[in-house]
Each structure stands twice: as C-alpha cells, then as structure tokens.
Amino acid sequence: MRLTRAESKAANRRALIEAAREIVGRDGSRAKLEDITELAGLTTGAVYSLFGGKDGLMVAMVDDYTGPLDLSLLARTDPGVGLEEVVAEVARRYLEISADPQAAVKMLFEARVLDLVLNEAGLRAKLTASMRSTEVALAGMFAGRRNDGTAITHGQALRLARALTALLSGLGQGVVLGAHEASEEFFVEAALSLISPRVLGPA
C-alpha cells in the first residue's frame, strides 16, 4: 500500500526526530546532521525541506520529548481532589519514573540535550520555554484546589510547581545514581513539605 504525500512527509519527519534523538543521546553537542540523516535513511535535503535546517530539527526533537513527567494522566484528576492528594500523586509518579529500568538511559539523553542547548543560544531559549510550559501545565492542575480551606491562586500554584519539579527531579536523579533508596514515603513527605506559606507566597 502506497503512502500518500502527507503520510510520507509525516513518516520522514518522525524518522528524522527519532534519529536525532538517538544521535544527540550519543554525541550531545557533537551530533552531526550527516549521522542523523544516515540513520534515518534520508538526505540532508529532507531536513531542510521538513525543518528548515538542523536547528529546526533540534527544536522539533526537544518539543517531541515529553520530559520526565507525563502530565496527561494527572490532568484527569478530579477537580474536587485536594491539593495535598494531587501533590502526593505527582511525587509518586516521579518515584516510578526514577525506579524504571530505563531511567538511566533517559537521564543520559537529558544530559546530552542539556549539553546541546548550552552550546546553542536558540535551542537554550526553546528548552527554557519548554520547561516553563511544563511548570505552567502542572500549576494549572494545582490552581483552585483547596489547602487549609482556601483555594490556592495561579501564582501560588506556579511557585509550588517550580519548587516541586526541582525537588523531585533532584531526588529522582539520586535514585537513578544509587545515592539513596527509592522510598515512596520520603518522596511524598518531601513534596508535601513544600505546601507551606513560604513556598506558596501571598495569595
């Protein structure tokens, strides 16, 4: 069965993104466009046609990578569930990710991407935007939930989301590296400790 032009374009785009992820995961900032296209079985012309060049492909690769936390399942949490329960569930998800057998591979890829973006100002801005969008999405799940009888504001939710992702990412890396054991109780209690006036700030 022959692919339509649109299907062929989508397949080539996916092949290049997957190849870019593998080569960047291996080589970081030393990743070569020729290696990516060879792995994808395509030409450099396809990269320019589909992405406008290497930078465009790298941006697409960063956009395509969902990061350590898949928010789609958490987004379906009942709006009536309290803030503490949602934060505890986020902590559990981070622990599951950290204990996954593929966690070290994912962490290495993220380190290679960081190496890449620190050497490319345009990509650095894109990664920063991606990180912010994740924080905003997480904050959107916190905002309006009740804490001590009061619904937290969007600003408070955003501050909590930033602190929470930083804390849990660090704890998760420690688990991957074997620096400490994976304890659900510790992850949850550490996360819940951030629900405080000092972190949340004024309403």
N, C-alpha and C. Protein backbone atom coordinates (compact mmCIF):
# COMPACT_ATOMS: atom_id res chain seq x y z
N MET A 1 0.84 -1.19 0.00
CA MET A 1 0.00 0.00 0.00
C MET A 1 0.88 1.25 0.00
N ARG A 2 0.67 2.12 -0.97
CA ARG A 2 1.50 3.32 -1.08
C ARG A 2 1.00 4.39 -0.11
N LEU A 3 1.97 5.10 0.47
CA LEU A 3 1.62 6.19 1.36
C LEU A 3 1.25 7.43 0.55
N THR A 4 0.33 8.20 1.11
CA THR A 4 0.02 9.49 0.49
C THR A 4 1.18 10.43 0.74
N ARG A 5 1.19 11.56 0.06
CA ARG A 5 2.28 12.52 0.24
C ARG A 5 2.34 13.00 1.69
N ALA A 6 1.17 13.24 2.27
CA ALA A 6 1.13 13.71 3.67
C ALA A 6 1.65 12.63 4.61
N GLU A 7 1.27 11.37 4.35
CA GLU A 7 1.73 10.27 5.21
C GLU A 7 3.23 10.07 5.08
N SER A 8 3.74 10.19 3.86
CA SER A 8 5.18 10.05 3.64
C SER A 8 5.95 11.16 4.35
N LYS A 9 5.42 12.37 4.28
CA LYS A 9 6.05 13.51 4.95
C LYS A 9 6.07 13.30 6.46
N ALA A 10 4.95 12.83 7.01
CA ALA A 10 4.87 12.58 8.45
C ALA A 10 5.83 11.47 8.87
N ALA A 11 5.95 10.43 8.04
CA ALA A 11 6.85 9.31 8.35
C ALA A 11 8.31 9.77 8.31
N ASN A 12 8.65 10.59 7.35
CA ASN A 12 10.02 11.12 7.26
C ASN A 12 10.33 12.04 8.45
N ARG A 13 9.37 12.82 8.80
CA ARG A 13 9.55 13.71 9.95
C ARG A 13 9.80 12.91 11.22
N ARG A 14 9.00 11.88 11.42
CA ARG A 14 9.16 11.03 12.60
C ARG A 14 10.50 10.32 12.58
N ALA A 15 10.92 9.82 11.42
CA ALA A 15 12.20 9.11 11.30
C ALA A 15 13.36 10.03 11.65
N LEU A 16 13.30 11.27 11.21
CA LEU A 16 14.38 12.22 11.49
C LEU A 16 14.42 12.61 12.97
N ILE A 17 13.25 12.79 13.58
CA ILE A 17 13.21 13.13 15.01
C ILE A 17 13.76 11.98 15.84
N GLU A 18 13.35 10.74 15.50
CA GLU A 18 13.84 9.58 16.25
C GLU A 18 15.36 9.42 16.07
N ALA A 19 15.84 9.64 14.84
CA ALA A 19 17.28 9.53 14.58
C ALA A 19 18.03 10.63 15.32
N ALA A 20 17.48 11.84 15.33
CA ALA A 20 18.12 12.94 16.04
C ALA A 20 18.22 12.64 17.52
N ARG A 21 17.17 12.06 18.07
CA ARG A 21 17.18 11.72 19.49
C ARG A 21 18.29 10.71 19.80
N GLU A 22 18.43 9.72 18.92
CA GLU A 22 19.46 8.70 19.16
C GLU A 22 20.87 9.27 19.03
N ILE A 23 21.09 10.08 17.98
CA ILE A 23 22.44 10.64 17.77
C ILE A 23 22.78 11.67 18.83
N VAL A 24 21.83 12.53 19.17
CA VAL A 24 22.08 13.51 20.23
C VAL A 24 22.30 12.79 21.56
N GLY A 25 21.53 11.74 21.79
CA GLY A 25 21.72 10.96 23.02
C GLY A 25 23.10 10.34 23.11
N ARG A 26 23.70 10.10 21.95
CA ARG A 26 25.04 9.52 21.92
C ARG A 26 26.13 10.58 21.92
N ASP A 27 25.92 11.64 21.12
CA ASP A 27 27.01 12.60 20.88
C ASP A 27 26.81 13.98 21.49
N GLY A 28 25.63 14.30 21.97
CA GLY A 28 25.39 15.62 22.54
C GLY A 28 25.63 16.73 21.54
N SER A 29 26.37 17.75 21.94
CA SER A 29 26.60 18.92 21.07
C SER A 29 27.46 18.58 19.85
N ARG A 30 28.07 17.39 19.83
CA ARG A 30 28.89 16.99 18.68
C ARG A 30 28.07 16.24 17.62
N ALA A 31 26.75 16.17 17.83
CA ALA A 31 25.89 15.46 16.89
C ALA A 31 25.98 16.09 15.50
N LYS A 32 26.15 15.25 14.50
CA LYS A 32 26.29 15.72 13.11
C LYS A 32 25.01 15.42 12.33
N LEU A 33 24.65 16.37 11.50
CA LEU A 33 23.45 16.21 10.68
C LEU A 33 23.59 15.01 9.75
N GLU A 34 24.78 14.78 9.24
CA GLU A 34 25.00 13.65 8.34
C GLU A 34 24.73 12.31 9.03
N ASP A 35 25.13 12.20 10.30
CA ASP A 35 24.88 10.96 11.05
C ASP A 35 23.39 10.75 11.27
N ILE A 36 22.68 11.85 11.52
CA ILE A 36 21.24 11.77 11.76
C ILE A 36 20.52 11.31 10.49
N THR A 37 20.85 11.94 9.37
CA THR A 37 20.16 11.59 8.12
C THR A 37 20.51 10.17 7.67
N GLU A 38 21.75 9.76 7.91
CA GLU A 38 22.13 8.39 7.54
C GLU A 38 21.34 7.37 8.34
N LEU A 39 21.18 7.63 9.65
CA LEU A 39 20.42 6.72 10.49
C LEU A 39 18.95 6.68 10.08
N ALA A 40 18.44 7.84 9.68
CA ALA A 40 17.03 7.91 9.28
C ALA A 40 16.81 7.36 7.87
N GLY A 41 17.89 7.17 7.11
CA GLY A 41 17.76 6.70 5.74
C GLY A 41 17.25 7.78 4.81
N LEU A 42 17.57 9.04 5.14
CA LEU A 42 17.10 10.17 4.34
C LEU A 42 18.28 11.08 4.00
N THR A 43 18.02 12.14 3.27
CA THR A 43 19.08 13.07 2.86
C THR A 43 19.00 14.35 3.69
N THR A 44 20.08 15.13 3.63
CA THR A 44 20.06 16.42 4.33
C THR A 44 18.99 17.34 3.73
N GLY A 45 18.71 17.13 2.44
CA GLY A 45 17.66 17.91 1.80
C GLY A 45 16.32 17.74 2.49
N ALA A 46 16.05 16.53 2.99
CA ALA A 46 14.79 16.27 3.69
C ALA A 46 14.72 17.09 4.97
N VAL A 47 15.86 17.25 5.64
CA VAL A 47 15.89 18.04 6.88
C VAL A 47 15.52 19.49 6.58
N TYR A 48 16.11 20.04 5.50
CA TYR A 48 15.83 21.43 5.15
C TYR A 48 14.39 21.59 4.66
N SER A 49 13.88 20.59 3.99
CA SER A 49 12.52 20.65 3.49
C SER A 49 11.50 20.58 4.63
N LEU A 50 11.77 19.71 5.60
CA LEU A 50 10.80 19.47 6.67
C LEU A 50 10.98 20.40 7.87
N PHE A 51 12.24 20.78 8.16
CA PHE A 51 12.51 21.54 9.39
C PHE A 51 13.22 22.88 9.15
N GLY A 52 13.65 23.13 7.91
CA GLY A 52 14.36 24.37 7.63
C GLY A 52 15.83 24.33 7.97
N GLY A 53 16.32 23.18 8.44
CA GLY A 53 17.73 23.02 8.78
C GLY A 53 17.92 22.27 10.08
N LYS A 54 19.17 22.13 10.49
CA LYS A 54 19.49 21.36 11.69
C LYS A 54 18.86 21.95 12.94
N ASP A 55 18.93 23.28 13.10
CA ASP A 55 18.36 23.90 14.29
C ASP A 55 16.87 23.60 14.41
N GLY A 56 16.17 23.66 13.27
CA GLY A 56 14.75 23.35 13.29
C GLY A 56 14.47 21.92 13.71
N LEU A 57 15.31 21.01 13.27
CA LEU A 57 15.18 19.61 13.65
C LEU A 57 15.44 19.44 15.15
N MET A 58 16.46 20.14 15.65
CA MET A 58 16.77 20.03 17.08
C MET A 58 15.62 20.58 17.94
N VAL A 59 15.02 21.68 17.49
CA VAL A 59 13.88 22.25 18.21
C VAL A 59 12.72 21.25 18.20
N ALA A 60 12.47 20.64 17.05
CA ALA A 60 11.39 19.64 16.95
C ALA A 60 11.66 18.45 17.86
N MET A 61 12.92 18.05 17.96
CA MET A 61 13.29 16.93 18.82
C MET A 61 13.02 17.28 20.28
N VAL A 62 13.40 18.50 20.70
CA VAL A 62 13.17 18.93 22.08
C VAL A 62 11.67 19.02 22.35
N ASP A 63 10.92 19.56 21.39
CA ASP A 63 9.47 19.66 21.55
C ASP A 63 8.82 18.29 21.67
N ASP A 64 9.35 17.33 20.91
CA ASP A 64 8.76 16.00 20.85
C ASP A 64 9.00 15.21 22.14
N TYR A 65 10.09 15.55 22.83
CA TYR A 65 10.41 14.82 24.06
C TYR A 65 9.54 15.35 25.19
N THR A 66 8.73 14.50 25.79
CA THR A 66 7.76 14.95 26.79
C THR A 66 8.40 15.23 28.14
N GLY A 67 9.65 14.85 28.32
CA GLY A 67 10.30 15.06 29.59
C GLY A 67 10.00 13.95 30.58
N PRO A 68 10.45 14.10 31.81
CA PRO A 68 10.32 13.01 32.77
C PRO A 68 8.91 12.72 33.25
N LEU A 69 8.02 13.71 33.16
CA LEU A 69 6.69 13.52 33.73
C LEU A 69 5.61 13.68 32.67
N ASP A 70 4.82 12.63 32.47
CA ASP A 70 3.70 12.68 31.55
C ASP A 70 2.50 13.25 32.31
N LEU A 71 2.10 14.45 31.93
CA LEU A 71 1.03 15.13 32.66
C LEU A 71 -0.36 14.70 32.22
N SER A 72 -0.46 13.94 31.14
CA SER A 72 -1.78 13.62 30.58
C SER A 72 -2.65 12.84 31.58
N LEU A 73 -2.05 11.92 32.32
CA LEU A 73 -2.83 11.14 33.29
C LEU A 73 -3.22 12.00 34.49
N LEU A 74 -2.28 12.83 34.96
CA LEU A 74 -2.57 13.68 36.10
C LEU A 74 -3.64 14.71 35.77
N ALA A 75 -3.70 15.11 34.51
CA ALA A 75 -4.66 16.14 34.10
C ALA A 75 -6.10 15.66 34.28
N ARG A 76 -6.29 14.35 34.35
CA ARG A 76 -7.64 13.81 34.50
C ARG A 76 -8.06 13.69 35.97
N THR A 77 -7.21 14.19 36.88
CA THR A 77 -7.56 14.14 38.30
C THR A 77 -8.81 14.97 38.58
N ASP A 78 -9.72 14.42 39.36
CA ASP A 78 -10.96 15.11 39.70
C ASP A 78 -10.67 16.49 40.31
N PRO A 79 -11.30 17.53 39.79
CA PRO A 79 -11.07 18.89 40.32
C PRO A 79 -11.38 19.02 41.81
N GLY A 80 -12.21 18.12 42.32
CA GLY A 80 -12.56 18.19 43.74
C GLY A 80 -11.51 17.61 44.67
N VAL A 81 -10.53 16.93 44.12
CA VAL A 81 -9.46 16.35 44.95
C VAL A 81 -8.59 17.46 45.52
N GLY A 82 -8.23 17.35 46.79
CA GLY A 82 -7.45 18.39 47.45
C GLY A 82 -6.02 18.50 46.95
N LEU A 83 -5.40 19.64 47.24
CA LEU A 83 -4.04 19.92 46.78
C LEU A 83 -3.05 18.87 47.26
N GLU A 84 -3.12 18.49 48.53
CA GLU A 84 -2.16 17.53 49.08
C GLU A 84 -2.20 16.20 48.33
N GLU A 85 -3.39 15.74 47.99
CA GLU A 85 -3.52 14.46 47.29
C GLU A 85 -2.90 14.52 45.90
N VAL A 86 -3.08 15.65 45.22
CA VAL A 86 -2.52 15.79 43.87
C VAL A 86 -1.00 15.88 43.94
N VAL A 87 -0.48 16.65 44.88
CA VAL A 87 0.98 16.78 45.04
C VAL A 87 1.58 15.42 45.39
N ALA A 88 0.93 14.67 46.25
CA ALA A 88 1.42 13.34 46.62
C ALA A 88 1.45 12.43 45.40
N GLU A 89 0.45 12.52 44.52
CA GLU A 89 0.42 11.69 43.32
C GLU A 89 1.54 12.07 42.36
N VAL A 90 1.84 13.36 42.25
CA VAL A 90 2.96 13.80 41.41
C VAL A 90 4.27 13.20 41.95
N ALA A 91 4.43 13.20 43.27
CA ALA A 91 5.64 12.64 43.88
C ALA A 91 5.75 11.15 43.57
N ARG A 92 4.64 10.44 43.64
CA ARG A 92 4.66 9.00 43.34
C ARG A 92 5.04 8.75 41.88
N ARG A 93 4.54 9.60 40.97
CA ARG A 93 4.88 9.45 39.55
C ARG A 93 6.38 9.64 39.33
N TYR A 94 6.96 10.65 39.99
CA TYR A 94 8.39 10.87 39.85
C TYR A 94 9.17 9.67 40.38
N LEU A 95 8.72 9.10 41.47
CA LEU A 95 9.40 7.92 42.02
C LEU A 95 9.33 6.75 41.05
N GLU A 96 8.16 6.52 40.44
CA GLU A 96 8.01 5.44 39.46
C GLU A 96 8.97 5.63 38.29
N ILE A 97 9.08 6.85 37.83
CA ILE A 97 9.97 7.16 36.70
C ILE A 97 11.42 6.88 37.09
N SER A 98 11.79 7.29 38.31
CA SER A 98 13.17 7.13 38.77
C SER A 98 13.54 5.66 38.97
N ALA A 99 12.57 4.85 39.36
CA ALA A 99 12.83 3.43 39.61
C ALA A 99 12.73 2.58 38.35
N ASP A 100 12.32 3.18 37.24
CA ASP A 100 12.19 2.46 35.98
C ASP A 100 13.55 1.98 35.49
N PRO A 101 13.65 0.75 34.95
CA PRO A 101 14.95 0.25 34.46
C PRO A 101 15.57 1.13 33.38
N GLN A 102 14.75 1.88 32.64
CA GLN A 102 15.25 2.74 31.57
C GLN A 102 15.57 4.16 32.05
N ALA A 103 15.47 4.40 33.35
CA ALA A 103 15.65 5.75 33.88
C ALA A 103 17.05 6.30 33.60
N ALA A 104 18.07 5.45 33.70
CA ALA A 104 19.44 5.91 33.46
C ALA A 104 19.63 6.34 32.02
N VAL A 105 19.00 5.60 31.09
CA VAL A 105 19.10 5.93 29.66
C VAL A 105 18.44 7.28 29.40
N LYS A 106 17.28 7.50 30.00
CA LYS A 106 16.56 8.77 29.83
C LYS A 106 17.36 9.93 30.44
N MET A 107 17.97 9.68 31.59
CA MET A 107 18.73 10.74 32.24
C MET A 107 19.95 11.11 31.40
N LEU A 108 20.58 10.10 30.79
CA LEU A 108 21.72 10.37 29.92
C LEU A 108 21.29 11.20 28.71
N PHE A 109 20.14 10.86 28.13
CA PHE A 109 19.64 11.62 27.00
C PHE A 109 19.41 13.08 27.40
N GLU A 110 18.78 13.29 28.55
CA GLU A 110 18.51 14.65 29.01
C GLU A 110 19.80 15.42 29.24
N ALA A 111 20.84 14.73 29.72
CA ALA A 111 22.14 15.38 29.92
C ALA A 111 22.75 15.76 28.57
N ARG A 112 22.60 14.90 27.57
CA ARG A 112 23.12 15.20 26.23
C ARG A 112 22.37 16.38 25.61
N VAL A 113 21.06 16.43 25.83
CA VAL A 113 20.28 17.56 25.32
C VAL A 113 20.73 18.85 25.99
N LEU A 114 20.98 18.78 27.29
CA LEU A 114 21.46 19.96 28.01
C LEU A 114 22.80 20.43 27.45
N ASP A 115 23.68 19.48 27.16
CA ASP A 115 24.97 19.80 26.54
C ASP A 115 24.75 20.51 25.21
N LEU A 116 23.78 20.00 24.44
CA LEU A 116 23.48 20.58 23.13
C LEU A 116 22.95 22.00 23.26
N VAL A 117 21.96 22.21 24.11
CA VAL A 117 21.31 23.52 24.18
C VAL A 117 22.21 24.57 24.82
N LEU A 118 23.11 24.16 25.71
CA LEU A 118 24.02 25.13 26.32
C LEU A 118 25.01 25.68 25.30
N ASN A 119 25.16 24.97 24.19
CA ASN A 119 26.06 25.43 23.13
C ASN A 119 25.31 26.10 21.98
N GLU A 120 24.00 26.18 22.08
CA GLU A 120 23.18 26.79 21.03
C GLU A 120 22.17 27.72 21.70
N ALA A 121 22.38 29.04 21.55
CA ALA A 121 21.52 30.01 22.23
C ALA A 121 20.05 29.85 21.85
N GLY A 122 19.76 29.61 20.57
CA GLY A 122 18.38 29.46 20.13
C GLY A 122 17.70 28.26 20.76
N LEU A 123 18.44 27.17 20.85
CA LEU A 123 17.89 25.97 21.47
C LEU A 123 17.74 26.15 22.97
N ARG A 124 18.62 26.92 23.57
CA ARG A 124 18.52 27.18 25.01
C ARG A 124 17.21 27.89 25.32
N ALA A 125 16.87 28.87 24.49
CA ALA A 125 15.62 29.60 24.69
C ALA A 125 14.43 28.67 24.53
N LYS A 126 14.53 27.74 23.56
CA LYS A 126 13.44 26.81 23.32
C LYS A 126 13.27 25.84 24.47
N LEU A 127 14.36 25.35 25.03
CA LEU A 127 14.28 24.42 26.15
C LEU A 127 13.71 25.14 27.37
N THR A 128 14.14 26.39 27.58
CA THR A 128 13.61 27.18 28.69
C THR A 128 12.10 27.34 28.56
N ALA A 129 11.65 27.61 27.33
CA ALA A 129 10.21 27.75 27.08
C ALA A 129 9.49 26.44 27.35
N SER A 130 10.12 25.32 26.98
CA SER A 130 9.52 24.01 27.20
C SER A 130 9.40 23.71 28.70
N MET A 131 10.44 24.05 29.46
CA MET A 131 10.41 23.84 30.90
C MET A 131 9.31 24.69 31.54
N ARG A 132 9.20 25.92 31.08
CA ARG A 132 8.16 26.80 31.62
C ARG A 132 6.77 26.29 31.31
N SER A 133 6.59 25.75 30.11
CA SER A 133 5.27 25.25 29.74
C SER A 133 4.88 24.06 30.62
N THR A 134 5.86 23.23 31.00
CA THR A 134 5.59 22.11 31.89
C THR A 134 5.17 22.62 33.27
N GLU A 135 5.89 23.64 33.76
CA GLU A 135 5.54 24.23 35.06
C GLU A 135 4.14 24.83 35.03
N VAL A 136 3.82 25.51 33.93
CA VAL A 136 2.51 26.13 33.80
C VAL A 136 1.41 25.06 33.76
N ALA A 137 1.67 23.97 33.04
CA ALA A 137 0.68 22.88 32.96
C ALA A 137 0.46 22.25 34.34
N LEU A 138 1.54 22.04 35.07
CA LEU A 138 1.43 21.47 36.41
C LEU A 138 0.71 22.44 37.34
N ALA A 139 1.05 23.71 37.23
CA ALA A 139 0.38 24.73 38.05
C ALA A 139 -1.11 24.77 37.76
N GLY A 140 -1.46 24.54 36.50
CA GLY A 140 -2.87 24.53 36.13
C GLY A 140 -3.65 23.43 36.84
N MET A 141 -2.96 22.35 37.20
CA MET A 141 -3.62 21.27 37.94
C MET A 141 -3.70 21.56 39.43
N PHE A 142 -2.86 22.50 39.90
CA PHE A 142 -2.88 22.87 41.32
C PHE A 142 -3.83 24.02 41.62
N ALA A 143 -3.87 24.97 40.71
CA ALA A 143 -4.64 26.20 40.94
C ALA A 143 -6.12 25.89 41.22
N GLY A 144 -6.64 26.55 42.23
CA GLY A 144 -8.05 26.38 42.58
C GLY A 144 -8.30 25.27 43.57
N ARG A 145 -7.31 24.37 43.74
CA ARG A 145 -7.50 23.29 44.72
C ARG A 145 -7.36 23.86 46.14
N ARG A 146 -8.04 23.22 47.05
CA ARG A 146 -8.10 23.78 48.39
C ARG A 146 -6.96 23.27 49.26
N ASN A 147 -6.42 24.21 50.04
CA ASN A 147 -5.37 23.91 51.01
C ASN A 147 -5.71 24.66 52.29
N ASP A 148 -5.93 23.93 53.36
CA ASP A 148 -6.37 24.54 54.63
C ASP A 148 -7.63 25.36 54.44
N GLY A 149 -8.53 24.85 53.63
CA GLY A 149 -9.82 25.51 53.44
C GLY A 149 -9.84 26.64 52.44
N THR A 150 -8.70 26.96 51.87
CA THR A 150 -8.62 28.07 50.91
C THR A 150 -8.10 27.58 49.57
N ALA A 151 -8.71 28.06 48.49
CA ALA A 151 -8.26 27.70 47.15
C ALA A 151 -6.99 28.47 46.82
N ILE A 152 -5.94 27.78 46.34
CA ILE A 152 -4.70 28.49 46.02
C ILE A 152 -4.82 29.18 44.66
N THR A 153 -4.14 30.30 44.55
CA THR A 153 -4.20 31.10 43.33
C THR A 153 -3.25 30.52 42.27
N HIS A 154 -3.38 31.04 41.05
CA HIS A 154 -2.49 30.59 39.98
C HIS A 154 -1.03 30.91 40.30
N GLY A 155 -0.79 32.10 40.87
CA GLY A 155 0.58 32.48 41.22
C GLY A 155 1.17 31.54 42.26
N GLN A 156 0.39 31.19 43.26
CA GLN A 156 0.85 30.25 44.28
C GLN A 156 1.09 28.87 43.66
N ALA A 157 0.20 28.47 42.77
CA ALA A 157 0.33 27.17 42.12
C ALA A 157 1.59 27.11 41.27
N LEU A 158 1.94 28.20 40.61
CA LEU A 158 3.14 28.23 39.77
C LEU A 158 4.40 28.15 40.63
N ARG A 159 4.42 28.85 41.74
CA ARG A 159 5.59 28.76 42.65
C ARG A 159 5.74 27.34 43.19
N LEU A 160 4.63 26.72 43.53
CA LEU A 160 4.68 25.34 44.03
C LEU A 160 5.17 24.40 42.94
N ALA A 161 4.69 24.58 41.70
CA ALA A 161 5.10 23.71 40.60
C ALA A 161 6.60 23.80 40.35
N ARG A 162 7.15 25.01 40.40
CA ARG A 162 8.59 25.20 40.18
C ARG A 162 9.40 24.51 41.28
N ALA A 163 9.00 24.71 42.52
CA ALA A 163 9.73 24.10 43.63
C ALA A 163 9.60 22.58 43.59
N LEU A 164 8.42 22.11 43.25
CA LEU A 164 8.16 20.67 43.25
C LEU A 164 8.96 19.95 42.17
N THR A 165 8.98 20.49 40.96
CA THR A 165 9.73 19.84 39.88
C THR A 165 11.22 19.83 40.17
N ALA A 166 11.73 20.92 40.75
CA ALA A 166 13.15 20.96 41.10
C ALA A 166 13.49 19.93 42.17
N LEU A 167 12.67 19.87 43.21
CA LEU A 167 12.91 18.92 44.30
C LEU A 167 12.83 17.47 43.82
N LEU A 168 11.75 17.14 43.12
CA LEU A 168 11.55 15.75 42.73
C LEU A 168 12.51 15.30 41.64
N SER A 169 12.91 16.21 40.76
CA SER A 169 13.93 15.87 39.75
C SER A 169 15.24 15.51 40.44
N GLY A 170 15.61 16.32 41.42
CA GLY A 170 16.84 16.04 42.17
C GLY A 170 16.78 14.73 42.92
N LEU A 171 15.67 14.48 43.59
CA LEU A 171 15.53 13.22 44.32
C LEU A 171 15.54 12.04 43.35
N GLY A 172 14.88 12.21 42.21
CA GLY A 172 14.85 11.15 41.21
C GLY A 172 16.23 10.82 40.68
N GLN A 173 17.04 11.84 40.43
CA GLN A 173 18.40 11.60 39.96
C GLN A 173 19.21 10.84 41.00
N GLY A 174 18.97 11.14 42.26
CA GLY A 174 19.66 10.42 43.33
C GLY A 174 19.32 8.95 43.33
N VAL A 175 18.06 8.62 43.04
CA VAL A 175 17.64 7.22 42.96
C VAL A 175 18.32 6.53 41.78
N VAL A 176 18.32 7.21 40.63
CA VAL A 176 18.93 6.63 39.43
C VAL A 176 20.42 6.36 39.64
N LEU A 177 21.09 7.27 40.32
CA LEU A 177 22.53 7.13 40.55
C LEU A 177 22.87 6.23 41.73
N GLY A 178 21.85 5.78 42.45
CA GLY A 178 22.08 4.91 43.60
C GLY A 178 22.55 5.63 44.83
N ALA A 179 22.34 6.95 44.87
CA ALA A 179 22.78 7.74 46.03
C ALA A 179 21.89 7.52 47.24
N HIS A 180 20.63 7.18 46.99
CA HIS A 180 19.72 6.85 48.08
C HIS A 180 18.64 5.92 47.56
N GLU A 181 17.92 5.29 48.49
CA GLU A 181 16.91 4.32 48.09
C GLU A 181 15.62 5.00 47.64
N ALA A 182 14.83 4.26 46.88
CA ALA A 182 13.55 4.77 46.41
C ALA A 182 12.50 4.52 47.48
N SER A 183 12.16 5.56 48.22
CA SER A 183 11.17 5.45 49.29
C SER A 183 9.97 6.33 48.96
N GLU A 184 8.82 5.68 48.78
CA GLU A 184 7.61 6.45 48.47
C GLU A 184 7.26 7.41 49.60
N GLU A 185 7.40 6.95 50.82
CA GLU A 185 7.08 7.80 51.96
C GLU A 185 7.94 9.07 51.96
N PHE A 186 9.24 8.92 51.68
CA PHE A 186 10.13 10.08 51.68
C PHE A 186 9.79 11.04 50.54
N PHE A 187 9.57 10.50 49.33
CA PHE A 187 9.21 11.35 48.19
C PHE A 187 7.95 12.15 48.49
N VAL A 188 6.94 11.46 49.01
CA VAL A 188 5.66 12.12 49.28
C VAL A 188 5.80 13.15 50.38
N GLU A 189 6.46 12.80 51.47
CA GLU A 189 6.60 13.74 52.59
C GLU A 189 7.42 14.96 52.18
N ALA A 190 8.47 14.75 51.39
CA ALA A 190 9.29 15.87 50.92
C ALA A 190 8.46 16.79 50.04
N ALA A 191 7.65 16.21 49.17
CA ALA A 191 6.80 17.01 48.29
C ALA A 191 5.77 17.79 49.08
N LEU A 192 5.13 17.14 50.05
CA LEU A 192 4.10 17.81 50.84
C LEU A 192 4.67 18.94 51.70
N SER A 193 5.95 18.82 52.05
CA SER A 193 6.57 19.88 52.88
C SER A 193 6.63 21.21 52.14
N LEU A 194 6.51 21.17 50.80
CA LEU A 194 6.56 22.41 50.02
C LEU A 194 5.24 23.17 50.05
N ILE A 195 4.19 22.52 50.51
CA ILE A 195 2.91 23.22 50.63
C ILE A 195 2.96 24.03 51.92
N SER A 196 3.64 25.15 51.85
CA SER A 196 3.83 25.99 53.03
C SER A 196 3.73 27.46 52.60
N PRO A 197 3.41 28.34 53.55
CA PRO A 197 3.30 29.77 53.22
C PRO A 197 4.57 30.34 52.59
N ARG A 198 5.73 29.85 53.02
CA ARG A 198 6.98 30.39 52.47
C ARG A 198 7.14 30.06 50.99
N VAL A 199 6.72 28.86 50.61
CA VAL A 199 6.83 28.45 49.20
C VAL A 199 5.69 29.05 48.37
N LEU A 200 4.47 28.93 48.90
CA LEU A 200 3.31 29.41 48.15
C LEU A 200 3.32 30.92 47.98
N GLY A 201 3.77 31.63 49.01
CA GLY A 201 3.77 33.09 48.94
C GLY A 201 2.38 33.66 49.12
N PRO A 202 2.23 34.96 48.90
CA PRO A 202 0.92 35.61 49.10
C PRO A 202 -0.10 35.17 48.07
N ALA A 203 -1.34 35.27 48.42
CA ALA A 203 -2.42 34.88 47.51
C ALA A 203 -2.52 35.85 46.33
